[in-house]
């Protein structure tokens, strides 16, 4: 209870200190309200009468409001997911940089480049072997007649 009283007195003290600065803002808001109220009131009355005459408009308005809220929630979810995805990608990228730097630090530049070239060559060999295999499957289908003319592969099955 003492905790609430202490903050209550601090809030009152802060309000009294800020009151001279808030008065002009408060006066401006009251002036704008008093000037716009007579202009807006007929439109609000007309909208209320229209809503009373046709309650389906309220249903459509509520439906649009729910749709707007759902779109906003989905937008928040999308932004949240993209934030996490970007964070994960940044962590992954900087982890790869740290691993590469540590490998170069341990093994030296020459051995690291040799390893990378070796891995690249192995990857090229595997890719080329798979490419030829699937090219052979494609050519086998072209000999059946139902695929005739639909292939751009010229090599035979190897």
Protein backbone atom coordinates (compact mmCIF):
# COMPACT_ATOMS: atom_id res chain seq x y z
CA UNK A 1 0.00 0.00 0.00
CA UNK A 2 2.87 2.30 0.80
CA UNK A 3 4.25 1.62 -2.69
CA UNK A 4 1.01 2.83 -4.35
CA UNK A 5 0.80 5.94 -2.17
CA UNK A 6 4.38 6.89 -2.96
CA UNK A 7 3.81 6.67 -6.72
CA UNK A 8 0.44 8.40 -6.43
CA UNK A 9 2.03 11.41 -4.71
CA UNK A 10 4.84 11.45 -7.27
CA UNK A 11 2.28 11.41 -10.11
CA UNK A 12 0.33 14.32 -8.55
CA UNK A 13 3.55 16.26 -8.07
CA UNK A 14 4.56 15.60 -11.70
CA UNK A 15 1.11 16.70 -12.91
CA UNK A 16 1.33 19.98 -10.97
CA UNK A 17 4.83 20.62 -12.32
CA UNK A 18 3.74 19.94 -15.93
CA UNK A 19 0.42 21.81 -15.69
CA UNK A 20 1.73 25.16 -17.00
CA UNK A 21 3.12 23.38 -20.06
CA UNK A 22 -0.01 21.31 -20.63
CA UNK A 23 -2.50 24.22 -20.41
CA UNK A 24 -1.77 25.63 -23.93
CA UNK A 25 -2.09 22.16 -25.44
CA UNK A 26 -5.32 21.53 -23.56
CA UNK A 27 -6.73 24.91 -24.68
CA UNK A 28 -5.82 24.16 -28.31
CA UNK A 29 -7.57 20.77 -28.15
CA UNK A 30 -10.70 22.36 -26.64
CA UNK A 31 -10.73 25.07 -29.35
CA UNK A 32 -10.38 22.52 -32.15
CA UNK A 33 -13.14 20.42 -30.60
CA UNK A 34 -15.49 23.39 -30.22
CA UNK A 35 -14.89 24.47 -33.83
CA UNK A 36 -15.19 21.04 -35.44
CA UNK A 37 -18.09 19.75 -33.34
CA UNK A 38 -20.78 21.77 -35.19
CA UNK A 39 -19.33 20.68 -38.53
CA UNK A 40 -19.06 16.97 -37.71
CA UNK A 41 -22.32 16.62 -35.73
CA UNK A 42 -24.71 16.66 -38.75
CA UNK A 43 -22.64 13.97 -40.48
CA UNK A 44 -22.64 11.83 -37.35
CA UNK A 45 -26.41 12.24 -36.99
CA UNK A 46 -26.95 11.34 -40.64
CA UNK A 47 -24.74 8.24 -40.23
CA UNK A 48 -26.68 7.21 -37.12
CA UNK A 49 -30.03 7.60 -38.91
CA UNK A 50 -28.72 5.66 -41.90
CA UNK A 51 -27.44 2.88 -39.63
CA UNK A 52 -30.80 2.73 -37.87
CA UNK A 53 -32.69 2.53 -41.18
CA UNK A 54 -30.40 -0.15 -42.61
CA UNK A 55 -28.89 -2.45 -39.96
CA UNK A 56 -27.19 -4.51 -42.70
CA UNK A 57 -24.71 -1.65 -43.07
CA UNK A 58 -23.62 -2.24 -39.48
CA UNK A 59 -23.13 -5.93 -40.22
CA UNK A 60 -21.02 -5.10 -43.28
CA UNK A 61 -19.09 -2.55 -41.25
CA UNK A 62 -18.39 -5.10 -38.52
CA UNK A 63 -17.36 -7.65 -41.12
CA UNK A 64 -14.94 -5.14 -42.66
CA UNK A 65 -13.64 -4.28 -39.20
CA UNK A 66 -12.99 -7.95 -38.43
CA UNK A 67 -11.32 -8.34 -41.82
CA UNK A 68 -9.11 -5.34 -41.13
CA UNK A 69 -8.16 -6.73 -37.71
CA UNK A 70 -7.36 -10.14 -39.22
CA UNK A 71 -5.18 -8.56 -41.90
CA UNK A 72 -3.34 -6.55 -39.24
CA UNK A 73 -2.75 -9.64 -37.11
CA UNK A 74 -1.48 -11.58 -40.14
CA UNK A 75 0.79 -8.66 -41.00
CA UNK A 76 2.23 -8.70 -37.47
CA UNK A 77 2.78 -12.44 -37.68
CA UNK A 78 4.51 -12.06 -41.07
CA UNK A 79 6.78 -9.30 -39.75
CA UNK A 80 7.58 -11.35 -36.65
CA UNK A 81 8.43 -14.42 -38.74
CA UNK A 82 10.57 -12.38 -41.13
CA UNK A 83 12.41 -10.84 -38.19
CA UNK A 84 13.23 -14.31 -36.83
CA UNK A 85 14.19 -15.57 -40.30
CA UNK A 86 16.55 -12.63 -40.84
CA UNK A 87 18.03 -13.14 -37.37
CA UNK A 88 18.63 -16.85 -38.08
CA UNK A 89 20.18 -16.07 -41.46
CA UNK A 90 22.49 -13.48 -39.92
CA UNK A 91 23.54 -15.93 -37.21
CA UNK A 92 24.11 -18.61 -39.85
CA UNK A 93 26.15 -16.26 -42.05
CA UNK A 94 28.36 -15.00 -39.24
CA UNK A 95 28.79 -18.55 -37.92
CA UNK A 96 29.99 -19.63 -41.37
CA UNK A 97 32.39 -16.68 -41.44
CA UNK A 98 33.74 -17.62 -38.00
CA UNK A 99 34.13 -21.27 -39.03
CA UNK A 100 35.93 -20.28 -42.24
CA UNK A 101 38.25 -17.93 -40.38
CA UNK A 102 39.01 -20.61 -37.77
CA UNK A 103 39.71 -23.21 -40.49
CA UNK A 104 42.06 -20.81 -42.28
CA UNK A 105 43.68 -19.97 -38.96
CA UNK A 106 44.25 -23.66 -38.11
CA UNK A 107 45.18 -25.09 -41.51
CA UNK A 108 46.59 -22.10 -43.34
CA UNK A 109 45.44 -20.47 -46.55
CA UNK A 110 47.08 -22.96 -48.95
CA UNK A 111 45.61 -26.13 -47.44
CA UNK A 112 42.19 -24.50 -47.06
CA UNK A 113 42.13 -23.48 -50.73
CA UNK A 114 43.26 -27.00 -51.74
CA UNK A 115 40.44 -28.51 -49.65
CA UNK A 116 37.87 -26.15 -51.13
CA UNK A 117 39.05 -26.92 -54.68
CA UNK A 118 38.90 -30.65 -53.92
CA UNK A 119 35.37 -30.37 -52.53
CA UNK A 120 34.33 -28.31 -55.55
CA UNK A 121 35.78 -30.91 -57.93
CA UNK A 122 33.97 -33.73 -56.10
CA UNK A 123 30.73 -31.76 -56.23
CA UNK A 124 31.22 -31.18 -59.97
CA UNK A 125 31.82 -34.90 -60.59
CA UNK A 126 28.71 -35.92 -58.63
CA UNK A 127 26.58 -33.27 -60.34
CA UNK A 128 27.81 -34.27 -63.82
CA UNK A 129 27.18 -37.98 -63.10
CA UNK A 130 23.61 -37.25 -61.95
CA UNK A 131 23.04 -34.98 -64.92
CA UNK A 132 24.08 -37.72 -67.35
CA UNK A 133 21.94 -40.26 -65.52
CA UNK A 134 18.80 -38.13 -65.78
CA UNK A 135 19.65 -37.25 -69.36
CA UNK A 136 19.72 -40.98 -70.07
CA UNK A 137 16.29 -41.42 -68.47
CA UNK A 138 15.00 -38.62 -70.66
CA UNK A 139 16.45 -40.22 -73.82
CA UNK A 140 14.99 -43.61 -72.91
CA UNK A 141 11.55 -42.01 -72.77
CA UNK A 142 12.11 -40.36 -76.15
CA UNK A 143 12.54 -43.76 -77.82
CA UNK A 144 9.01 -44.85 -76.78
CA UNK A 145 7.30 -42.57 -79.25
CA UNK A 146 5.05 -40.81 -76.78
CA UNK A 147 7.85 -38.38 -75.86
CA UNK A 148 9.24 -38.00 -79.38
CA UNK A 149 10.29 -34.46 -80.10
CA UNK A 150 9.93 -33.31 -76.47
CA UNK A 151 13.53 -33.70 -75.43
CA UNK A 152 16.52 -31.51 -76.00
CA UNK A 153 19.01 -34.15 -74.86
CA UNK A 154 21.13 -35.44 -77.79
CA UNK A 155 23.36 -37.93 -75.97
CA UNK A 156 22.49 -41.59 -75.69
CA UNK A 157 22.23 -43.56 -72.45
CA UNK A 158 25.70 -43.94 -70.98
